[in-house]
Amino acid sequence: MPEPSNTSEQTREVILMTAEQQLRRHGLSKMTVVDIARAAGMSHSNVYRFFPTKAAIFDGITQRWLSQAEKHLALVVAREVSAALKLEDFVIELHRVKRQKFLTDPEIFATYYAVAKECNDVVQKHLTYIHSLLFQIINEGIQSGEFQVTDAEAAASVVRSATLRFHHPVLVIEDRERDVENEARAVMRLLIAGLKTRVL
């Protein structure tokens, strides 16, 4: 299959940007493909060339935001600090990214929430990527002697599960009235202590 042309990629980006604007204006349930097409100055059939369903547009919007968030999180992993500090900062930043999106861009977060409920490929790829970053940090700690655990893969799964309440979209919404960052830091200190003593 040939690679899409730059024009096709640009059109796809225009559709997604326009869809985000329409979401913020009309909300998740009221936005239509016709709204997007009209605002983008194209026919709705042209929108369907790139996104065969409304759900595919939601997937595209979610993937677009998650890709931006993942680039930000990768910068945390690239910092030259101890593995313990990097691991704590990574989980805190993951929490902040999700919470800030909910607070400042609720319509896009609602789209992410709707897609996450379906557990489709977009969300699964995001979770796999988050796991890979946790693995990278923990493996660095093992290689440097900072962490005493021997199975970085298993440890990454434990850390992701233990911190889920701080970044899962359902739980981010449930905690909307209070800032749980201090709780997240306390959990991370316990987990890091376990990594350093081979408890995990």
N, C-alpha and C. Protein backbone atom coordinates (compact mmCIF):
# COMPACT_ATOMS: atom_id res chain seq x y z
N MET A 1 0.84 -1.19 0.00
CA MET A 1 0.00 0.00 0.00
C MET A 1 0.88 1.25 0.00
N PRO A 2 0.66 2.19 -0.91
CA PRO A 2 1.51 3.37 -0.97
C PRO A 2 1.33 4.25 0.26
N GLU A 3 2.38 4.96 0.61
CA GLU A 3 2.32 5.90 1.72
C GLU A 3 1.39 7.06 1.36
N PRO A 4 0.61 7.58 2.33
CA PRO A 4 -0.25 8.72 2.02
C PRO A 4 0.56 9.94 1.66
N SER A 5 0.03 10.72 0.75
CA SER A 5 0.74 11.93 0.33
C SER A 5 0.69 12.96 1.44
N ASN A 6 1.57 13.97 1.34
CA ASN A 6 1.56 15.05 2.30
C ASN A 6 0.21 15.75 2.30
N THR A 7 -0.39 15.88 1.11
CA THR A 7 -1.71 16.52 1.02
C THR A 7 -2.74 15.72 1.81
N SER A 8 -2.70 14.41 1.69
CA SER A 8 -3.62 13.56 2.44
C SER A 8 -3.41 13.70 3.94
N GLU A 9 -2.16 13.73 4.36
CA GLU A 9 -1.85 13.90 5.78
C GLU A 9 -2.33 15.27 6.26
N GLN A 10 -2.15 16.28 5.44
CA GLN A 10 -2.60 17.62 5.82
C GLN A 10 -4.12 17.67 5.93
N THR A 11 -4.81 17.03 5.00
CA THR A 11 -6.28 17.00 5.04
C THR A 11 -6.75 16.27 6.29
N ARG A 12 -6.11 15.18 6.60
CA ARG A 12 -6.46 14.42 7.81
C ARG A 12 -6.28 15.28 9.05
N GLU A 13 -5.20 16.03 9.07
CA GLU A 13 -4.92 16.90 10.23
C GLU A 13 -5.96 18.02 10.32
N VAL A 14 -6.34 18.58 9.19
CA VAL A 14 -7.37 19.62 9.17
C VAL A 14 -8.68 19.07 9.73
N ILE A 15 -9.04 17.86 9.33
CA ILE A 15 -10.28 17.25 9.80
C ILE A 15 -10.23 17.05 11.31
N LEU A 16 -9.11 16.57 11.82
CA LEU A 16 -9.01 16.33 13.26
C LEU A 16 -9.02 17.64 14.05
N MET A 17 -8.32 18.64 13.57
CA MET A 17 -8.31 19.93 14.25
C MET A 17 -9.70 20.54 14.25
N THR A 18 -10.39 20.43 13.12
CA THR A 18 -11.74 20.96 13.02
C THR A 18 -12.69 20.19 13.92
N ALA A 19 -12.52 18.88 13.97
CA ALA A 19 -13.36 18.04 14.83
C ALA A 19 -13.17 18.42 16.30
N GLU A 20 -11.94 18.71 16.70
CA GLU A 20 -11.69 19.15 18.06
C GLU A 20 -12.42 20.45 18.36
N GLN A 21 -12.36 21.38 17.42
CA GLN A 21 -13.06 22.66 17.60
C GLN A 21 -14.57 22.45 17.72
N GLN A 22 -15.11 21.56 16.90
CA GLN A 22 -16.54 21.28 16.94
C GLN A 22 -16.94 20.56 18.23
N LEU A 23 -16.06 19.71 18.71
CA LEU A 23 -16.32 19.04 19.99
C LEU A 23 -16.42 20.05 21.12
N ARG A 24 -15.48 20.98 21.12
CA ARG A 24 -15.49 21.99 22.18
C ARG A 24 -16.72 22.89 22.09
N ARG A 25 -17.25 23.03 20.90
CA ARG A 25 -18.42 23.89 20.69
C ARG A 25 -19.73 23.16 20.97
N HIS A 26 -19.85 21.92 20.48
CA HIS A 26 -21.12 21.21 20.55
C HIS A 26 -21.15 20.08 21.59
N GLY A 27 -19.98 19.61 22.01
CA GLY A 27 -19.95 18.48 22.92
C GLY A 27 -19.94 17.15 22.18
N LEU A 28 -19.64 16.10 22.91
CA LEU A 28 -19.43 14.78 22.31
C LEU A 28 -20.69 14.22 21.65
N SER A 29 -21.83 14.39 22.30
CA SER A 29 -23.05 13.76 21.79
C SER A 29 -23.69 14.52 20.63
N LYS A 30 -23.45 15.83 20.54
CA LYS A 30 -24.14 16.65 19.53
C LYS A 30 -23.31 16.93 18.28
N MET A 31 -22.01 16.71 18.35
CA MET A 31 -21.17 16.97 17.19
C MET A 31 -21.50 15.98 16.08
N THR A 32 -21.58 16.45 14.84
CA THR A 32 -21.85 15.57 13.70
C THR A 32 -20.76 15.70 12.66
N VAL A 33 -20.69 14.72 11.79
CA VAL A 33 -19.73 14.75 10.68
C VAL A 33 -20.07 15.92 9.75
N VAL A 34 -21.33 16.22 9.59
CA VAL A 34 -21.74 17.36 8.77
C VAL A 34 -21.19 18.66 9.35
N ASP A 35 -21.24 18.81 10.68
CA ASP A 35 -20.66 19.99 11.34
C ASP A 35 -19.18 20.12 11.00
N ILE A 36 -18.47 19.00 11.10
CA ILE A 36 -17.03 19.00 10.84
C ILE A 36 -16.75 19.39 9.40
N ALA A 37 -17.48 18.76 8.47
CA ALA A 37 -17.27 19.01 7.05
C ALA A 37 -17.54 20.48 6.71
N ARG A 38 -18.64 21.01 7.22
CA ARG A 38 -19.00 22.40 6.93
C ARG A 38 -17.93 23.36 7.47
N ALA A 39 -17.49 23.12 8.70
CA ALA A 39 -16.48 24.00 9.31
C ALA A 39 -15.13 23.88 8.61
N ALA A 40 -14.84 22.70 8.06
CA ALA A 40 -13.57 22.49 7.36
C ALA A 40 -13.62 22.90 5.90
N GLY A 41 -14.82 23.27 5.42
CA GLY A 41 -14.97 23.70 4.03
C GLY A 41 -14.86 22.56 3.04
N MET A 42 -15.40 21.40 3.41
CA MET A 42 -15.36 20.26 2.50
C MET A 42 -16.66 19.48 2.62
N SER A 43 -16.87 18.52 1.73
CA SER A 43 -18.08 17.71 1.79
C SER A 43 -17.93 16.64 2.88
N HIS A 44 -19.07 16.18 3.42
CA HIS A 44 -18.98 15.13 4.43
C HIS A 44 -18.47 13.83 3.83
N SER A 45 -18.68 13.63 2.52
CA SER A 45 -18.15 12.43 1.87
C SER A 45 -16.62 12.45 1.87
N ASN A 46 -16.04 13.63 1.78
CA ASN A 46 -14.58 13.75 1.83
C ASN A 46 -14.06 13.41 3.22
N VAL A 47 -14.80 13.82 4.27
CA VAL A 47 -14.42 13.45 5.64
C VAL A 47 -14.42 11.93 5.77
N TYR A 48 -15.45 11.28 5.18
CA TYR A 48 -15.56 9.83 5.29
C TYR A 48 -14.45 9.11 4.50
N ARG A 49 -13.82 9.80 3.57
CA ARG A 49 -12.68 9.19 2.87
C ARG A 49 -11.54 8.91 3.85
N PHE A 50 -11.40 9.76 4.83
CA PHE A 50 -10.30 9.64 5.79
C PHE A 50 -10.73 8.94 7.08
N PHE A 51 -11.99 9.12 7.46
CA PHE A 51 -12.51 8.53 8.68
C PHE A 51 -13.87 7.90 8.37
N PRO A 52 -13.93 6.58 8.23
CA PRO A 52 -15.16 5.93 7.76
C PRO A 52 -16.35 6.05 8.70
N THR A 53 -16.09 6.34 9.97
CA THR A 53 -17.17 6.47 10.94
C THR A 53 -16.86 7.63 11.90
N LYS A 54 -17.89 8.05 12.61
CA LYS A 54 -17.70 9.07 13.65
C LYS A 54 -16.78 8.55 14.74
N ALA A 55 -16.91 7.25 15.05
CA ALA A 55 -16.04 6.64 16.05
C ALA A 55 -14.58 6.71 15.63
N ALA A 56 -14.31 6.59 14.33
CA ALA A 56 -12.93 6.68 13.83
C ALA A 56 -12.38 8.09 14.04
N ILE A 57 -13.23 9.09 13.94
CA ILE A 57 -12.81 10.47 14.22
C ILE A 57 -12.45 10.61 15.69
N PHE A 58 -13.28 10.04 16.57
CA PHE A 58 -12.98 10.07 18.00
C PHE A 58 -11.65 9.37 18.29
N ASP A 59 -11.42 8.25 17.62
CA ASP A 59 -10.14 7.55 17.77
C ASP A 59 -8.98 8.45 17.35
N GLY A 60 -9.16 9.14 16.22
CA GLY A 60 -8.11 10.02 15.71
C GLY A 60 -7.81 11.16 16.66
N ILE A 61 -8.85 11.75 17.22
CA ILE A 61 -8.68 12.85 18.18
C ILE A 61 -7.94 12.35 19.42
N THR A 62 -8.35 11.19 19.91
CA THR A 62 -7.72 10.63 21.10
C THR A 62 -6.26 10.29 20.83
N GLN A 63 -6.00 9.67 19.70
CA GLN A 63 -4.62 9.31 19.35
C GLN A 63 -3.75 10.55 19.21
N ARG A 64 -4.32 11.60 18.65
CA ARG A 64 -3.59 12.86 18.46
C ARG A 64 -3.16 13.43 19.81
N TRP A 65 -4.09 13.45 20.76
CA TRP A 65 -3.75 13.98 22.08
C TRP A 65 -2.78 13.06 22.82
N LEU A 66 -3.04 11.75 22.79
CA LEU A 66 -2.16 10.83 23.50
C LEU A 66 -0.74 10.87 22.94
N SER A 67 -0.60 11.06 21.64
CA SER A 67 0.74 11.16 21.03
C SER A 67 1.48 12.37 21.58
N GLN A 68 0.77 13.48 21.72
CA GLN A 68 1.39 14.68 22.29
C GLN A 68 1.80 14.44 23.74
N ALA A 69 0.91 13.80 24.49
CA ALA A 69 1.21 13.50 25.89
C ALA A 69 2.40 12.55 26.01
N GLU A 70 2.47 11.57 25.13
CA GLU A 70 3.56 10.60 25.18
C GLU A 70 4.91 11.23 24.87
N LYS A 71 4.93 12.18 23.96
CA LYS A 71 6.18 12.89 23.67
C LYS A 71 6.66 13.65 24.90
N HIS A 72 5.73 14.25 25.61
CA HIS A 72 6.06 14.96 26.84
C HIS A 72 6.60 14.00 27.90
N LEU A 73 5.96 12.85 28.05
CA LEU A 73 6.39 11.87 29.04
C LEU A 73 7.75 11.27 28.68
N ALA A 74 8.02 11.12 27.39
CA ALA A 74 9.32 10.60 26.95
C ALA A 74 10.46 11.53 27.37
N LEU A 75 10.17 12.82 27.42
CA LEU A 75 11.19 13.79 27.86
C LEU A 75 11.53 13.58 29.34
N VAL A 76 10.54 13.20 30.13
CA VAL A 76 10.80 12.90 31.54
C VAL A 76 11.75 11.71 31.65
N VAL A 77 11.51 10.70 30.84
CA VAL A 77 12.33 9.48 30.86
C VAL A 77 13.75 9.77 30.39
N ALA A 78 13.90 10.74 29.52
CA ALA A 78 15.22 11.06 28.96
C ALA A 78 16.09 11.87 29.90
N ARG A 79 15.54 12.37 30.99
CA ARG A 79 16.32 13.19 31.92
C ARG A 79 17.44 12.37 32.56
N GLU A 80 18.55 13.02 32.82
CA GLU A 80 19.70 12.35 33.45
C GLU A 80 19.64 12.56 34.97
N VAL A 81 18.76 11.79 35.59
CA VAL A 81 18.61 11.81 37.05
C VAL A 81 18.54 10.36 37.52
N SER A 82 18.48 10.15 38.82
CA SER A 82 18.41 8.78 39.34
C SER A 82 17.13 8.11 38.87
N ALA A 83 17.18 6.79 38.81
CA ALA A 83 16.01 6.04 38.37
C ALA A 83 14.83 6.24 39.31
N ALA A 84 15.11 6.34 40.60
CA ALA A 84 14.05 6.53 41.59
C ALA A 84 13.33 7.86 41.37
N LEU A 85 14.10 8.92 41.20
CA LEU A 85 13.51 10.24 40.98
C LEU A 85 12.77 10.26 39.64
N LYS A 86 13.37 9.64 38.64
CA LYS A 86 12.75 9.60 37.31
C LYS A 86 11.42 8.86 37.36
N LEU A 87 11.39 7.74 38.09
CA LEU A 87 10.17 6.94 38.17
C LEU A 87 9.06 7.70 38.89
N GLU A 88 9.40 8.35 39.98
CA GLU A 88 8.39 9.15 40.70
C GLU A 88 7.89 10.29 39.83
N ASP A 89 8.82 11.01 39.20
CA ASP A 89 8.44 12.14 38.36
C ASP A 89 7.58 11.69 37.18
N PHE A 90 7.89 10.51 36.63
CA PHE A 90 7.12 10.01 35.49
C PHE A 90 5.66 9.76 35.87
N VAL A 91 5.44 9.08 36.97
CA VAL A 91 4.07 8.78 37.40
C VAL A 91 3.33 10.06 37.76
N ILE A 92 4.00 10.98 38.44
CA ILE A 92 3.37 12.26 38.79
C ILE A 92 3.02 13.03 37.53
N GLU A 93 3.90 13.03 36.56
CA GLU A 93 3.63 13.76 35.31
C GLU A 93 2.49 13.10 34.53
N LEU A 94 2.45 11.78 34.55
CA LEU A 94 1.35 11.06 33.89
C LEU A 94 0.02 11.46 34.54
N HIS A 95 0.01 11.55 35.86
CA HIS A 95 -1.18 12.00 36.58
C HIS A 95 -1.55 13.43 36.19
N ARG A 96 -0.56 14.29 36.16
CA ARG A 96 -0.83 15.70 35.85
C ARG A 96 -1.36 15.88 34.43
N VAL A 97 -0.79 15.15 33.49
CA VAL A 97 -1.22 15.25 32.10
C VAL A 97 -2.71 14.91 31.97
N LYS A 98 -3.12 13.82 32.61
CA LYS A 98 -4.53 13.40 32.52
C LYS A 98 -5.44 14.37 33.28
N ARG A 99 -5.02 14.76 34.47
CA ARG A 99 -5.86 15.65 35.28
C ARG A 99 -6.01 17.03 34.62
N GLN A 100 -4.91 17.55 34.11
CA GLN A 100 -4.97 18.87 33.47
C GLN A 100 -5.85 18.86 32.23
N LYS A 101 -5.81 17.77 31.48
CA LYS A 101 -6.66 17.67 30.30
C LYS A 101 -8.12 17.68 30.71
N PHE A 102 -8.44 16.95 31.77
CA PHE A 102 -9.82 16.92 32.25
C PHE A 102 -10.27 18.32 32.70
N LEU A 103 -9.39 19.03 33.39
CA LEU A 103 -9.76 20.32 33.95
C LEU A 103 -9.81 21.43 32.90
N THR A 104 -8.92 21.39 31.92
CA THR A 104 -8.81 22.51 30.98
C THR A 104 -9.39 22.24 29.60
N ASP A 105 -9.61 20.97 29.26
CA ASP A 105 -10.12 20.62 27.93
C ASP A 105 -11.09 19.45 28.08
N PRO A 106 -12.20 19.66 28.81
CA PRO A 106 -13.07 18.53 29.19
C PRO A 106 -13.70 17.79 28.02
N GLU A 107 -13.97 18.48 26.92
CA GLU A 107 -14.59 17.81 25.78
C GLU A 107 -13.64 16.78 25.15
N ILE A 108 -12.37 17.16 25.03
CA ILE A 108 -11.40 16.22 24.47
C ILE A 108 -11.15 15.07 25.45
N PHE A 109 -11.14 15.38 26.74
CA PHE A 109 -10.98 14.32 27.74
C PHE A 109 -12.17 13.38 27.68
N ALA A 110 -13.38 13.92 27.48
CA ALA A 110 -14.58 13.08 27.38
C ALA A 110 -14.47 12.13 26.19
N THR A 111 -13.86 12.61 25.12
CA THR A 111 -13.65 11.76 23.94
C THR A 111 -12.68 10.63 24.29
N TYR A 112 -11.59 10.97 24.95
CA TYR A 112 -10.62 9.97 25.41
C TYR A 112 -11.31 8.94 26.32
N TYR A 113 -12.15 9.42 27.23
CA TYR A 113 -12.87 8.54 28.15
C TYR A 113 -13.77 7.58 27.38
N ALA A 114 -14.49 8.11 26.38
CA ALA A 114 -15.39 7.28 25.57
C ALA A 114 -14.61 6.21 24.81
N VAL A 115 -13.46 6.59 24.25
CA VAL A 115 -12.63 5.63 23.52
C VAL A 115 -12.04 4.61 24.48
N ALA A 116 -11.61 5.07 25.66
CA ALA A 116 -11.00 4.16 26.64
C ALA A 116 -11.99 3.09 27.08
N LYS A 117 -13.27 3.42 27.17
CA LYS A 117 -14.27 2.43 27.59
C LYS A 117 -14.36 1.27 26.60
N GLU A 118 -14.02 1.55 25.34
CA GLU A 118 -14.07 0.50 24.31
C GLU A 118 -12.83 -0.37 24.31
N CYS A 119 -11.78 0.07 25.03
CA CYS A 119 -10.51 -0.68 25.10
C CYS A 119 -10.01 -1.05 23.70
N ASN A 120 -10.05 -0.10 22.77
CA ASN A 120 -9.65 -0.41 21.39
C ASN A 120 -8.15 -0.25 21.20
N ASP A 121 -7.71 -0.35 19.96
CA ASP A 121 -6.28 -0.34 19.66
C ASP A 121 -5.60 0.95 20.08
N VAL A 122 -6.29 2.08 19.95
CA VAL A 122 -5.69 3.37 20.31
C VAL A 122 -5.28 3.37 21.78
N VAL A 123 -6.17 2.95 22.64
CA VAL A 123 -5.89 2.94 24.07
C VAL A 123 -4.89 1.84 24.43
N GLN A 124 -5.02 0.68 23.80
CA GLN A 124 -4.09 -0.40 24.08
C GLN A 124 -2.66 -0.03 23.71
N LYS A 125 -2.50 0.67 22.59
CA LYS A 125 -1.16 1.13 22.19
C LYS A 125 -0.60 2.13 23.20
N HIS A 126 -1.47 2.98 23.71
CA HIS A 126 -1.04 3.95 24.72
C HIS A 126 -0.58 3.22 25.98
N LEU A 127 -1.36 2.25 26.44
CA LEU A 127 -1.00 1.52 27.64
C LEU A 127 0.30 0.74 27.45
N THR A 128 0.47 0.18 26.26
CA THR A 128 1.71 -0.54 25.95
C THR A 128 2.90 0.41 25.98
N TYR A 129 2.70 1.61 25.46
CA TYR A 129 3.79 2.59 25.45
C TYR A 129 4.14 3.02 26.87
N ILE A 130 3.12 3.27 27.69
CA ILE A 130 3.38 3.65 29.08
C ILE A 130 4.14 2.54 29.79
N HIS A 131 3.75 1.31 29.55
CA HIS A 131 4.45 0.17 30.14
C HIS A 131 5.91 0.13 29.69
N SER A 132 6.14 0.41 28.41
CA SER A 132 7.52 0.38 27.90
C SER A 132 8.39 1.45 28.55
N LEU A 133 7.81 2.61 28.85
CA LEU A 133 8.58 3.67 29.51
C LEU A 133 8.87 3.29 30.96
N LEU A 134 7.89 2.70 31.64
CA LEU A 134 8.13 2.22 33.01
C LEU A 134 9.22 1.16 33.01
N PHE A 135 9.14 0.24 32.05
CA PHE A 135 10.17 -0.80 31.93
C PHE A 135 11.55 -0.17 31.73
N GLN A 136 11.63 0.83 30.87
CA GLN A 136 12.91 1.47 30.59
C GLN A 136 13.51 2.09 31.85
N ILE A 137 12.68 2.78 32.62
CA ILE A 137 13.18 3.43 33.84
C ILE A 137 13.66 2.38 34.84
N ILE A 138 12.83 1.36 35.05
CA ILE A 138 13.18 0.34 36.05
C ILE A 138 14.41 -0.44 35.61
N ASN A 139 14.50 -0.74 34.32
CA ASN A 139 15.67 -1.46 33.83
C ASN A 139 16.94 -0.62 34.00
N GLU A 140 16.83 0.67 33.80
CA GLU A 140 17.99 1.56 34.05
C GLU A 140 18.42 1.45 35.50
N GLY A 141 17.42 1.44 36.41
CA GLY A 141 17.73 1.32 37.83
C GLY A 141 18.38 -0.01 38.18
N ILE A 142 17.95 -1.07 37.52
CA ILE A 142 18.56 -2.38 37.75
C ILE A 142 20.00 -2.40 37.25
N GLN A 143 20.21 -1.87 36.05
CA GLN A 143 21.55 -1.87 35.46
C GLN A 143 22.54 -1.04 36.27
N SER A 144 22.05 0.04 36.88
CA SER A 144 22.94 0.91 37.67
C SER A 144 23.13 0.39 39.09
N GLY A 145 22.35 -0.61 39.49
CA GLY A 145 22.45 -1.13 40.85
C GLY A 145 21.56 -0.39 41.84
N GLU A 146 20.82 0.57 41.36
CA GLU A 146 19.94 1.34 42.24
C GLU A 146 18.74 0.52 42.69
N PHE A 147 18.20 -0.30 41.80
CA PHE A 147 17.08 -1.19 42.12
C PHE A 147 17.59 -2.62 42.23
N GLN A 148 17.04 -3.36 43.18
CA GLN A 148 17.49 -4.73 43.44
C GLN A 148 16.59 -5.79 42.81
N VAL A 149 15.49 -5.40 42.25
CA VAL A 149 14.63 -6.38 41.57
C VAL A 149 15.36 -6.91 40.34
N THR A 150 14.94 -8.07 39.88
CA THR A 150 15.61 -8.67 38.73
C THR A 150 14.72 -8.75 37.49
N ASP A 151 13.42 -8.62 37.67
CA ASP A 151 12.49 -8.74 36.55
C ASP A 151 11.85 -7.37 36.29
N ALA A 152 12.44 -6.62 35.37
CA ALA A 152 11.95 -5.27 35.08
C ALA A 152 10.56 -5.30 34.46
N GLU A 153 10.29 -6.33 33.69
CA GLU A 153 8.98 -6.44 33.04
C GLU A 153 7.87 -6.59 34.09
N ALA A 154 8.08 -7.50 35.03
CA ALA A 154 7.09 -7.72 36.08
C ALA A 154 6.96 -6.50 36.97
N ALA A 155 8.07 -5.87 37.29
CA ALA A 155 8.05 -4.68 38.15
C ALA A 155 7.30 -3.54 37.48
N ALA A 156 7.47 -3.38 36.17
CA ALA A 156 6.76 -2.33 35.44
C ALA A 156 5.25 -2.57 35.50
N SER A 157 4.84 -3.83 35.40
CA SER A 157 3.41 -4.16 35.48
C SER A 157 2.86 -3.84 36.86
N VAL A 158 3.63 -4.13 37.90
CA VAL A 158 3.20 -3.85 39.27
C VAL A 158 3.05 -2.34 39.47
N VAL A 159 4.03 -1.58 39.03
CA VAL A 159 3.98 -0.12 39.20
C VAL A 159 2.78 0.46 38.45
N ARG A 160 2.55 0.00 37.24
CA ARG A 160 1.41 0.52 36.46
C ARG A 160 0.09 0.19 37.15
N SER A 161 -0.04 -1.03 37.65
CA SER A 161 -1.28 -1.42 38.33
C SER A 161 -1.47 -0.65 39.63
N ALA A 162 -0.38 -0.48 40.37
CA ALA A 162 -0.46 0.17 41.68
C ALA A 162 -0.76 1.66 41.57
N THR A 163 -0.47 2.25 40.42
CA THR A 163 -0.67 3.69 40.25
C THR A 163 -1.85 4.01 39.33
N LEU A 164 -2.62 3.01 38.99
CA LEU A 164 -3.69 3.18 38.01
C LEU A 164 -4.70 4.25 38.42
N ARG A 165 -4.98 4.35 39.70
CA ARG A 165 -5.98 5.31 40.15
C ARG A 165 -5.57 6.75 39.89
N PHE A 166 -4.31 6.98 39.63
CA PHE A 166 -3.84 8.35 39.41
C PHE A 166 -3.85 8.76 37.94
N HIS A 167 -4.12 7.79 37.03
CA HIS A 167 -4.13 8.18 35.62
C HIS A 167 -5.22 7.50 34.79
N HIS A 168 -5.98 6.57 35.36
CA HIS A 168 -7.09 5.98 34.63
C HIS A 168 -8.19 7.04 34.47
N PRO A 169 -8.75 7.20 33.27
CA PRO A 169 -9.71 8.30 33.05
C PRO A 169 -10.92 8.27 33.98
N VAL A 170 -11.44 7.09 34.30
CA VAL A 170 -12.59 7.00 35.21
C VAL A 170 -12.23 7.55 36.58
N LEU A 171 -11.04 7.19 37.08
CA LEU A 171 -10.62 7.60 38.41
C LEU A 171 -10.17 9.05 38.45
N VAL A 172 -9.64 9.54 37.33
CA VAL A 172 -9.32 10.97 37.24
C VAL A 172 -10.60 11.79 37.41
N ILE A 173 -11.67 11.34 36.78
CA ILE A 173 -12.96 12.03 36.91
C ILE A 173 -13.48 11.94 38.33
N GLU A 174 -13.39 10.78 38.94
CA GLU A 174 -13.88 10.60 40.31
C GLU A 174 -13.15 11.50 41.30
N ASP A 175 -11.87 11.76 41.04
CA ASP A 175 -11.07 12.58 41.95
C ASP A 175 -11.04 14.05 41.53
N ARG A 176 -11.99 14.46 40.71
CA ARG A 176 -11.96 15.82 40.17
C ARG A 176 -12.04 16.91 41.23
N GLU A 177 -12.63 16.60 42.38
CA GLU A 177 -12.81 17.62 43.42
C GLU A 177 -11.61 17.76 44.33
N ARG A 178 -10.63 16.89 44.19
CA ARG A 178 -9.48 16.99 45.09
C ARG A 178 -8.20 16.61 44.35
N ASP A 179 -7.12 17.22 44.78
CA ASP A 179 -5.81 16.94 44.19
C ASP A 179 -5.17 15.79 44.95
N VAL A 180 -4.91 14.70 44.25
CA VAL A 180 -4.37 13.49 44.91
C VAL A 180 -2.88 13.32 44.65
N GLU A 181 -2.21 14.40 44.24
CA GLU A 181 -0.79 14.27 43.90
C GLU A 181 0.05 13.82 45.09
N ASN A 182 -0.26 14.33 46.29
CA ASN A 182 0.51 13.92 47.47
C ASN A 182 0.33 12.43 47.74
N GLU A 183 -0.88 11.92 47.49
CA GLU A 183 -1.11 10.49 47.65
C GLU A 183 -0.30 9.70 46.62
N ALA A 184 -0.23 10.23 45.41
CA ALA A 184 0.55 9.56 44.36
C ALA A 184 2.02 9.51 44.75
N ARG A 185 2.52 10.58 45.31
CA ARG A 185 3.93 10.59 45.73
C ARG A 185 4.17 9.58 46.86
N ALA A 186 3.23 9.47 47.78
CA ALA A 186 3.38 8.51 48.88
C ALA A 186 3.40 7.09 48.36
N VAL A 187 2.52 6.79 47.40
CA VAL A 187 2.50 5.45 46.79
C VAL A 187 3.82 5.18 46.08
N MET A 188 4.33 6.16 45.36
CA MET A 188 5.58 5.97 44.64
C MET A 188 6.75 5.73 45.58
N ARG A 189 6.76 6.40 46.72
CA ARG A 189 7.86 6.18 47.67
C ARG A 189 7.84 4.74 48.20
N LEU A 190 6.65 4.22 48.43
CA LEU A 190 6.55 2.84 48.88
C LEU A 190 7.01 1.87 47.78
N LEU A 191 6.58 2.12 46.56
CA LEU A 191 6.97 1.26 45.44
C LEU A 191 8.48 1.32 45.20
N ILE A 192 9.04 2.49 45.27
CA ILE A 192 10.48 2.65 45.05
C ILE A 192 11.27 1.95 46.16
N ALA A 193 10.77 2.05 47.39
CA ALA A 193 11.42 1.32 48.49
C ALA A 193 11.42 -0.18 48.21
N GLY A 194 10.31 -0.68 47.65
CA GLY A 194 10.24 -2.09 47.28
C GLY A 194 11.21 -2.45 46.18
N LEU A 195 11.34 -1.59 45.19
CA LEU A 195 12.29 -1.84 44.10
C LEU A 195 13.73 -1.88 44.62
N LYS A 196 14.00 -1.08 45.62
CA LYS A 196 15.36 -1.01 46.16
C LYS A 196 15.71 -2.17 47.09
N THR A 197 14.69 -2.87 47.56
CA THR A 197 14.94 -3.97 48.52
C THR A 197 14.48 -5.32 47.99
N ARG A 198 14.13 -5.37 46.71
CA ARG A 198 13.72 -6.60 46.04
C ARG A 198 12.39 -7.13 46.59
N VAL A 199 11.57 -6.27 47.14
CA VAL A 199 10.25 -6.70 47.60
C VAL A 199 9.36 -6.97 46.38
N LEU A 200 9.48 -6.14 45.32
CA LEU A 200 8.67 -6.30 44.12
C LEU A 200 9.28 -7.37 43.22
